[in-house]
Structures are given as C-alpha cells and as structure tokens.
Amino acid sequence: MNWRDHIEARPDVMGGKPVIRDTRITVEIILDWLAAGWSEAELFESYPRLSPDDLKAIFAFAREVVGDQLYAVVPKAA
C-alpha cells in the first residue's frame, strides 16, 4: 500500500492538513473517530467517499509518521 496514492496535503485544502485525495476528509478526523470507538462501517456510512483502501492508506501514513520517532511514555498518575 502506497499511502501517497490516497493522501495529499495542499495549503489550499484544510489548511494543509493531510486529507484523502480530492476530498476534505482529514486523516486527523478519521483517526479521531476511530479512537472514539467508531467502527469501519460507521465511518463508511458517514463518509461515503471514504474507501477501504483510503482507510488502509491512513494506517500506512500514520505508521510512517510515528515509525521513526522516539517517544517518552509517561505513566499515568494514580
């Protein structure tokens, strides 16, 4: 999966945030909905222009973005 076939970022669309190509659907909003517990079916119902391949591209994009980074995970305070 080459996420670049599905995701673009242009300054004139959604302030330059990564979006599904030729839409205004941001990668961020799809990840937010998934984190909130939405199912794939709910996403596809709410965003009819979103395809299963677009969703795979979002995951590939996210993996690449975080893959080369180092993060400090701070334990949650009790």
PDB file of N, CA and C in Angstrom:
ATOM      1  N   MET A   1       0.856  -1.192   0.000  1.00  0.00           N
ATOM      2  CA  MET A   1       0.000   0.000   0.000  1.00  0.00           C
ATOM      3  C   MET A   1       0.891   1.240   0.000  1.00  0.00           C
ATOM      4  N   ASN A   2       0.754   2.041  -1.028  1.00  0.00           N
ATOM      5  CA  ASN A   2       1.440   3.323  -1.074  1.00  0.00           C
ATOM      6  C   ASN A   2       0.435   4.395  -0.674  1.00  0.00           C
ATOM      7  N   TRP A   3       0.550   4.876   0.540  1.00  0.00           N
ATOM      8  CA  TRP A   3      -0.422   5.837   1.043  1.00  0.00           C
ATOM      9  C   TRP A   3      -0.439   7.112   0.211  1.00  0.00           C
ATOM     10  N   ARG A   4       0.663   7.416  -0.474  1.00  0.00           N
ATOM     11  CA  ARG A   4       0.726   8.633  -1.286  1.00  0.00           C
ATOM     12  C   ARG A   4      -0.268   8.621  -2.456  1.00  0.00           C
ATOM     13  N   ASP A   5      -0.753   7.449  -2.810  1.00  0.00           N
ATOM     14  CA  ASP A   5      -1.779   7.359  -3.854  1.00  0.00           C
ATOM     15  C   ASP A   5      -3.149   7.801  -3.347  1.00  0.00           C
ATOM     16  N   HIS A   6      -3.297   7.903  -2.032  1.00  0.00           N
ATOM     17  CA  HIS A   6      -4.606   8.208  -1.432  1.00  0.00           C
ATOM     18  C   HIS A   6      -4.622   9.472  -0.585  1.00  0.00           C
ATOM     19  N   ILE A   7      -3.472   9.913  -0.127  1.00  0.00           N
ATOM     20  CA  ILE A   7      -3.405  11.036   0.813  1.00  0.00           C
ATOM     21  C   ILE A   7      -2.567  12.149   0.213  1.00  0.00           C
ATOM     22  N   GLU A   8      -3.070  13.374   0.371  1.00  0.00           N
ATOM     23  CA  GLU A   8      -2.331  14.540  -0.093  1.00  0.00           C
ATOM     24  C   GLU A   8      -2.444  15.647   0.943  1.00  0.00           C
ATOM     25  N   ALA A   9      -1.551  16.609   0.858  1.00  0.00           N
ATOM     26  CA  ALA A   9      -1.596  17.793   1.717  1.00  0.00           C
ATOM     27  C   ALA A   9      -1.292  18.996   0.830  1.00  0.00           C
ATOM     28  N   ARG A  10      -2.278  19.893   0.755  1.00  0.00           N
ATOM     29  CA  ARG A  10      -2.117  21.097  -0.053  1.00  0.00           C
ATOM     30  C   ARG A  10      -2.488  22.292   0.809  1.00  0.00           C
ATOM     31  N   PRO A  11      -1.743  23.376   0.702  1.00  0.00           N
ATOM     32  CA  PRO A  11      -2.026  24.547   1.541  1.00  0.00           C
ATOM     33  C   PRO A  11      -3.434  25.098   1.367  1.00  0.00           C
ATOM     34  N   ASP A  12      -4.045  24.899   0.197  1.00  0.00           N
ATOM     35  CA  ASP A  12      -5.368  25.455  -0.072  1.00  0.00           C
ATOM     36  C   ASP A  12      -6.517  24.534   0.344  1.00  0.00           C
ATOM     37  N   VAL A  13      -6.190  23.377   0.911  1.00  0.00           N
ATOM     38  CA  VAL A  13      -7.228  22.435   1.354  1.00  0.00           C
ATOM     39  C   VAL A  13      -7.023  22.132   2.832  1.00  0.00           C
ATOM     40  N   MET A  14      -7.992  22.484   3.639  1.00  0.00           N
ATOM     41  CA  MET A  14      -7.988  22.201   5.084  1.00  0.00           C
ATOM     42  C   MET A  14      -6.693  22.685   5.755  1.00  0.00           C
ATOM     43  N   GLY A  15      -6.214  23.839   5.314  1.00  0.00           N
ATOM     44  CA  GLY A  15      -5.037  24.446   5.947  1.00  0.00           C
ATOM     45  C   GLY A  15      -3.766  23.629   5.793  1.00  0.00           C
ATOM     46  N   GLY A  16      -3.718  22.749   4.799  1.00  0.00           N
ATOM     47  CA  GLY A  16      -2.521  21.957   4.568  1.00  0.00           C
ATOM     48  C   GLY A  16      -2.471  20.651   5.333  1.00  0.00           C
ATOM     49  N   LYS A  17      -3.543  20.330   6.073  1.00  0.00           N
ATOM     50  CA  LYS A  17      -3.569  19.052   6.784  1.00  0.00           C
ATOM     51  C   LYS A  17      -3.671  17.913   5.770  1.00  0.00           C
ATOM     52  N   PRO A  18      -3.129  16.745   6.096  1.00  0.00           N
ATOM     53  CA  PRO A  18      -3.277  15.600   5.199  1.00  0.00           C
ATOM     54  C   PRO A  18      -4.752  15.208   5.076  1.00  0.00           C
ATOM     55  N   VAL A  19      -5.182  15.022   3.831  1.00  0.00           N
ATOM     56  CA  VAL A  19      -6.566  14.652   3.537  1.00  0.00           C
ATOM     57  C   VAL A  19      -6.582  13.489   2.547  1.00  0.00           C
ATOM     58  N   ILE A  20      -7.718  12.809   2.487  1.00  0.00           N
ATOM     59  CA  ILE A  20      -7.922  11.821   1.436  1.00  0.00           C
ATOM     60  C   ILE A  20      -7.977  12.594   0.116  1.00  0.00           C
ATOM     61  N   ARG A  21      -7.202  12.138  -0.837  1.00  0.00           N
ATOM     62  CA  ARG A  21      -7.065  12.840  -2.128  1.00  0.00           C
ATOM     63  C   ARG A  21      -8.434  13.220  -2.706  1.00  0.00           C
ATOM     64  N   ASP A  22      -8.511  14.450  -3.172  1.00  0.00           N
ATOM     65  CA  ASP A  22      -9.712  15.005  -3.817  1.00  0.00           C
ATOM     66  C   ASP A  22     -10.919  15.092  -2.895  1.00  0.00           C
ATOM     67  N   THR A  23     -10.671  15.141  -1.578  1.00  0.00           N
ATOM     68  CA  THR A  23     -11.750  15.357  -0.599  1.00  0.00           C
ATOM     69  C   THR A  23     -11.269  16.374   0.423  1.00  0.00           C
ATOM     70  N   ARG A  24     -12.133  16.665   1.361  1.00  0.00           N
ATOM     71  CA  ARG A  24     -11.765  17.486   2.512  1.00  0.00           C
ATOM     72  C   ARG A  24     -11.808  16.632   3.789  1.00  0.00           C
ATOM     73  N   ILE A  25     -11.724  15.327   3.623  1.00  0.00           N
ATOM     74  CA  ILE A  25     -11.724  14.391   4.758  1.00  0.00           C
ATOM     75  C   ILE A  25     -10.285  14.302   5.273  1.00  0.00           C
ATOM     76  N   THR A  26     -10.065  14.813   6.482  1.00  0.00           N
ATOM     77  CA  THR A  26      -8.703  14.803   7.015  1.00  0.00           C
ATOM     78  C   THR A  26      -8.368  13.449   7.640  1.00  0.00           C
ATOM     79  N   VAL A  27      -7.105  13.120   7.565  1.00  0.00           N
ATOM     80  CA  VAL A  27      -6.594  11.930   8.256  1.00  0.00           C
ATOM     81  C   VAL A  27      -6.891  12.064   9.739  1.00  0.00           C
ATOM     82  N   GLU A  28      -6.708  13.249  10.250  1.00  0.00           N
ATOM     83  CA  GLU A  28      -6.920  13.508  11.675  1.00  0.00           C
ATOM     84  C   GLU A  28      -8.337  13.164  12.122  1.00  0.00           C
ATOM     85  N   ILE A  29      -9.352  13.563  11.365  1.00  0.00           N
ATOM     86  CA  ILE A  29     -10.730  13.306  11.805  1.00  0.00           C
ATOM     87  C   ILE A  29     -11.047  11.818  11.775  1.00  0.00           C
ATOM     88  N   ILE A  30     -10.516  11.108  10.791  1.00  0.00           N
ATOM     89  CA  ILE A  30     -10.769   9.665  10.734  1.00  0.00           C
ATOM     90  C   ILE A  30     -10.100   8.980  11.921  1.00  0.00           C
ATOM     91  N   LEU A  31      -8.864   9.363  12.238  1.00  0.00           N
ATOM     92  CA  LEU A  31      -8.191   8.777  13.406  1.00  0.00           C
ATOM     93  C   LEU A  31      -8.906   9.151  14.702  1.00  0.00           C
ATOM     94  N   ASP A  32      -9.419  10.381  14.779  1.00  0.00           N
ATOM     95  CA  ASP A  32     -10.190  10.794  15.970  1.00  0.00           C
ATOM     96  C   ASP A  32     -11.426   9.916  16.151  1.00  0.00           C
ATOM     97  N   TRP A  33     -12.166   9.681  15.066  1.00  0.00           N
ATOM     98  CA  TRP A  33     -13.374   8.860  15.164  1.00  0.00           C
ATOM     99  C   TRP A  33     -13.037   7.418  15.527  1.00  0.00           C
ATOM    100  N   LEU A  34     -11.973   6.887  14.949  1.00  0.00           N
ATOM    101  CA  LEU A  34     -11.568   5.518  15.308  1.00  0.00           C
ATOM    102  C   LEU A  34     -11.171   5.447  16.783  1.00  0.00           C
ATOM    103  N   ALA A  35     -10.440   6.445  17.250  1.00  0.00           N
ATOM    104  CA  ALA A  35     -10.036   6.475  18.662  1.00  0.00           C
ATOM    105  C   ALA A  35     -11.247   6.593  19.589  1.00  0.00           C
ATOM    106  N   ALA A  36     -12.307   7.209  19.087  1.00  0.00           N
ATOM    107  CA  ALA A  36     -13.535   7.363  19.879  1.00  0.00           C
ATOM    108  C   ALA A  36     -14.394   6.098  19.855  1.00  0.00           C
ATOM    109  N   GLY A  37     -13.972   5.099  19.069  1.00  0.00           N
ATOM    110  CA  GLY A  37     -14.695   3.840  19.065  1.00  0.00           C
ATOM    111  C   GLY A  37     -15.576   3.581  17.858  1.00  0.00           C
ATOM    112  N   TRP A  38     -15.548   4.460  16.875  1.00  0.00           N
ATOM    113  CA  TRP A  38     -16.354   4.230  15.681  1.00  0.00           C
ATOM    114  C   TRP A  38     -15.868   2.986  14.961  1.00  0.00           C
ATOM    115  N   SER A  39     -16.785   2.264  14.361  1.00  0.00           N
ATOM    116  CA  SER A  39     -16.448   1.103  13.544  1.00  0.00           C
ATOM    117  C   SER A  39     -16.155   1.563  12.117  1.00  0.00           C
ATOM    118  N   GLU A  40     -15.550   0.675  11.345  1.00  0.00           N
ATOM    119  CA  GLU A  40     -15.333   0.983   9.930  1.00  0.00           C
ATOM    120  C   GLU A  40     -16.667   1.220   9.235  1.00  0.00           C
ATOM    121  N   ALA A  41     -17.669   0.443   9.570  1.00  0.00           N
ATOM    122  CA  ALA A  41     -18.994   0.610   8.952  1.00  0.00           C
ATOM    123  C   ALA A  41     -19.547   2.009   9.229  1.00  0.00           C
ATOM    124  N   GLU A  42     -19.379   2.490  10.451  1.00  0.00           N
ATOM    125  CA  GLU A  42     -19.854   3.843  10.782  1.00  0.00           C
ATOM    126  C   GLU A  42     -19.098   4.900   9.984  1.00  0.00           C
ATOM    127  N   LEU A  43     -17.793   4.697   9.820  1.00  0.00           N
ATOM    128  CA  LEU A  43     -17.001   5.643   9.026  1.00  0.00           C
ATOM    129  C   LEU A  43     -17.489   5.680   7.586  1.00  0.00           C
ATOM    130  N   PHE A  44     -17.671   4.499   6.983  1.00  0.00           N
ATOM    131  CA  PHE A  44     -18.077   4.450   5.588  1.00  0.00           C
ATOM    132  C   PHE A  44     -19.488   4.995   5.389  1.00  0.00           C
ATOM    133  N   GLU A  45     -20.333   4.821   6.381  1.00  0.00           N
ATOM    134  CA  GLU A  45     -21.687   5.372   6.300  1.00  0.00           C
ATOM    135  C   GLU A  45     -21.653   6.902   6.398  1.00  0.00           C
ATOM    136  N   SER A  46     -20.828   7.408   7.288  1.00  0.00           N
ATOM    137  CA  SER A  46     -20.751   8.856   7.499  1.00  0.00           C
ATOM    138  C   SER A  46     -19.936   9.573   6.425  1.00  0.00           C
ATOM    139  N   TYR A  47     -18.986   8.869   5.839  1.00  0.00           N
ATOM    140  CA  TYR A  47     -18.113   9.449   4.811  1.00  0.00           C
ATOM    141  C   TYR A  47     -18.158   8.552   3.567  1.00  0.00           C
ATOM    142  N   PRO A  48     -19.200   8.677   2.752  1.00  0.00           N
ATOM    143  CA  PRO A  48     -19.375   7.781   1.607  1.00  0.00           C
ATOM    144  C   PRO A  48     -18.225   7.813   0.598  1.00  0.00           C
ATOM    145  N   ARG A  49     -17.455   8.890   0.572  1.00  0.00           N
ATOM    146  CA  ARG A  49     -16.328   8.960  -0.365  1.00  0.00           C
ATOM    147  C   ARG A  49     -15.103   8.231   0.166  1.00  0.00           C
ATOM    148  N   LEU A  50     -15.119   7.823   1.418  1.00  0.00           N
ATOM    149  CA  LEU A  50     -14.015   7.078   2.017  1.00  0.00           C
ATOM    150  C   LEU A  50     -14.104   5.615   1.586  1.00  0.00           C
ATOM    151  N   SER A  51     -12.984   5.069   1.130  1.00  0.00           N
ATOM    152  CA  SER A  51     -12.976   3.669   0.683  1.00  0.00           C
ATOM    153  C   SER A  51     -12.132   2.822   1.636  1.00  0.00           C
ATOM    154  N   PRO A  52     -12.284   1.520   1.578  1.00  0.00           N
ATOM    155  CA  PRO A  52     -11.416   0.652   2.389  1.00  0.00           C
ATOM    156  C   PRO A  52      -9.927   0.889   2.097  1.00  0.00           C
ATOM    157  N   ASP A  53      -9.581   1.146   0.842  1.00  0.00           N
ATOM    158  CA  ASP A  53      -8.176   1.434   0.526  1.00  0.00           C
ATOM    159  C   ASP A  53      -7.724   2.766   1.119  1.00  0.00           C
ATOM    160  N   ASP A  54      -8.629   3.746   1.185  1.00  0.00           N
ATOM    161  CA  ASP A  54      -8.293   5.006   1.840  1.00  0.00           C
ATOM    162  C   ASP A  54      -7.977   4.769   3.315  1.00  0.00           C
ATOM    163  N   LEU A  55      -8.776   3.937   3.949  1.00  0.00           N
ATOM    164  CA  LEU A  55      -8.555   3.642   5.363  1.00  0.00           C
ATOM    165  C   LEU A  55      -7.213   2.932   5.561  1.00  0.00           C
ATOM    166  N   LYS A  56      -6.881   1.998   4.703  1.00  0.00           N
ATOM    167  CA  LYS A  56      -5.572   1.340   4.771  1.00  0.00           C
ATOM    168  C   LYS A  56      -4.455   2.358   4.587  1.00  0.00           C
ATOM    169  N   ALA A  57      -4.664   3.309   3.686  1.00  0.00           N
ATOM    170  CA  ALA A  57      -3.657   4.351   3.451  1.00  0.00           C
ATOM    171  C   ALA A  57      -3.469   5.220   4.690  1.00  0.00           C
ATOM    172  N   ILE A  58      -4.556   5.510   5.396  1.00  0.00           N
ATOM    173  CA  ILE A  58      -4.445   6.288   6.632  1.00  0.00           C
ATOM    174  C   ILE A  58      -3.575   5.551   7.642  1.00  0.00           C
ATOM    175  N   PHE A  59      -3.784   4.250   7.787  1.00  0.00           N
ATOM    176  CA  PHE A  59      -2.969   3.471   8.718  1.00  0.00           C
ATOM    177  C   PHE A  59      -1.502   3.434   8.276  1.00  0.00           C
ATOM    178  N   ALA A  60      -1.261   3.280   6.978  1.00  0.00           N
ATOM    179  CA  ALA A  60       0.113   3.262   6.472  1.00  0.00           C
ATOM    180  C   ALA A  60       0.781   4.615   6.687  1.00  0.00           C
ATOM    181  N   PHE A  61       0.032   5.690   6.464  1.00  0.00           N
ATOM    182  CA  PHE A  61       0.544   7.039   6.698  1.00  0.00           C
ATOM    183  C   PHE A  61       0.899   7.230   8.170  1.00  0.00           C
ATOM    184  N   ALA A  62      -0.018   6.855   9.053  1.00  0.00           N
ATOM    185  CA  ALA A  62       0.223   7.003  10.493  1.00  0.00           C
ATOM    186  C   ALA A  62       1.430   6.186  10.930  1.00  0.00           C
ATOM    187  N   ARG A  63       1.555   4.993  10.408  1.00  0.00           N
ATOM    188  CA  ARG A  63       2.692   4.139  10.745  1.00  0.00           C
ATOM    189  C   ARG A  63       4.003   4.791  10.331  1.00  0.00           C
ATOM    190  N   GLU A  64       4.033   5.368   9.143  1.00  0.00           N
ATOM    191  CA  GLU A  64       5.261   6.014   8.673  1.00  0.00           C
ATOM    192  C   GLU A  64       5.586   7.257   9.499  1.00  0.00           C
ATOM    193  N   VAL A  65       4.569   8.030   9.837  1.00  0.00           N
ATOM    194  CA  VAL A  65       4.785   9.259  10.597  1.00  0.00           C
ATOM    195  C   VAL A  65       5.359   8.964  11.981  1.00  0.00           C
ATOM    196  N   VAL A  66       4.844   7.946  12.652  1.00  0.00           N
ATOM    197  CA  VAL A  66       5.321   7.656  14.009  1.00  0.00           C
ATOM    198  C   VAL A  66       6.471   6.658  14.028  1.00  0.00           C
ATOM    199  N   GLY A  67       6.716   5.992  12.928  1.00  0.00           N
ATOM    200  CA  GLY A  67       7.693   4.912  12.899  1.00  0.00           C
ATOM    201  C   GLY A  67       9.118   5.306  13.218  1.00  0.00           C
ATOM    202  N   ASP A  68       9.528   6.483  12.807  1.00  0.00           N
ATOM    203  CA  ASP A  68      10.910   6.888  13.001  1.00  0.00           C
ATOM    204  C   ASP A  68      11.104   7.820  14.192  1.00  0.00           C
ATOM    205  N   GLN A  69      10.076   7.986  14.980  1.00  0.00           N
ATOM    206  CA  GLN A  69      10.150   8.898  16.117  1.00  0.00           C
ATOM    207  C   GLN A  69      10.421   8.150  17.415  1.00  0.00           C
ATOM    208  N   LEU A  70      10.996   8.846  18.355  1.00  0.00           N
ATOM    209  CA  LEU A  70      11.160   8.323  19.705  1.00  0.00           C
ATOM    210  C   LEU A  70      10.217   9.079  20.614  1.00  0.00           C
ATOM    211  N   TYR A  71       9.540   8.363  21.476  1.00  0.00           N
ATOM    212  CA  TYR A  71       8.552   8.978  22.360  1.00  0.00           C
ATOM    213  C   TYR A  71       8.822   8.568  23.790  1.00  0.00           C
ATOM    214  N   ALA A  72       8.640   9.502  24.690  1.00  0.00           N
ATOM    215  CA  ALA A  72       8.714   9.190  26.108  1.00  0.00           C
ATOM    216  C   ALA A  72       7.283   8.946  26.580  1.00  0.00           C
ATOM    217  N   VAL A  73       7.026   7.758  27.051  1.00  0.00           N
ATOM    218  CA  VAL A  73       5.706   7.431  27.555  1.00  0.00           C
ATOM    219  C   VAL A  73       5.739   7.612  29.060  1.00  0.00           C
ATOM    220  N   VAL A  74       4.975   8.577  29.520  1.00  0.00           N
ATOM    221  CA  VAL A  74       4.945   8.914  30.947  1.00  0.00           C
ATOM    222  C   VAL A  74       3.799   8.150  31.585  1.00  0.00           C
ATOM    223  N   PRO A  75       4.075   7.412  32.673  1.00  0.00           N
ATOM    224  CA  PRO A  75       2.992   6.684  33.341  1.00  0.00           C
ATOM    225  C   PRO A  75       1.907   7.638  33.822  1.00  0.00           C
ATOM    226  N   LYS A  76       0.686   7.166  33.755  1.00  0.00           N
ATOM    227  CA  LYS A  76      -0.459   7.928  34.218  1.00  0.00           C
ATOM    228  C   LYS A  76      -0.402   8.052  35.728  1.00  0.00           C
ATOM    229  N   ALA A  77      -0.637   9.242  36.242  1.00  0.00           N
ATOM    230  CA  ALA A  77      -0.636   9.451  37.687  1.00  0.00           C
ATOM    231  C   ALA A  77      -1.812   8.710  38.326  1.00  0.00           C
ATOM    232  N   ALA A  78      -1.566   8.119  39.471  1.00  0.00           N
ATOM    233  CA  ALA A  78      -2.600   7.352  40.156  1.00  0.00           C
ATOM    234  C   ALA A  78      -3.579   8.248  40.861  1.00  0.00           C
TER     235      ALA A  78
END
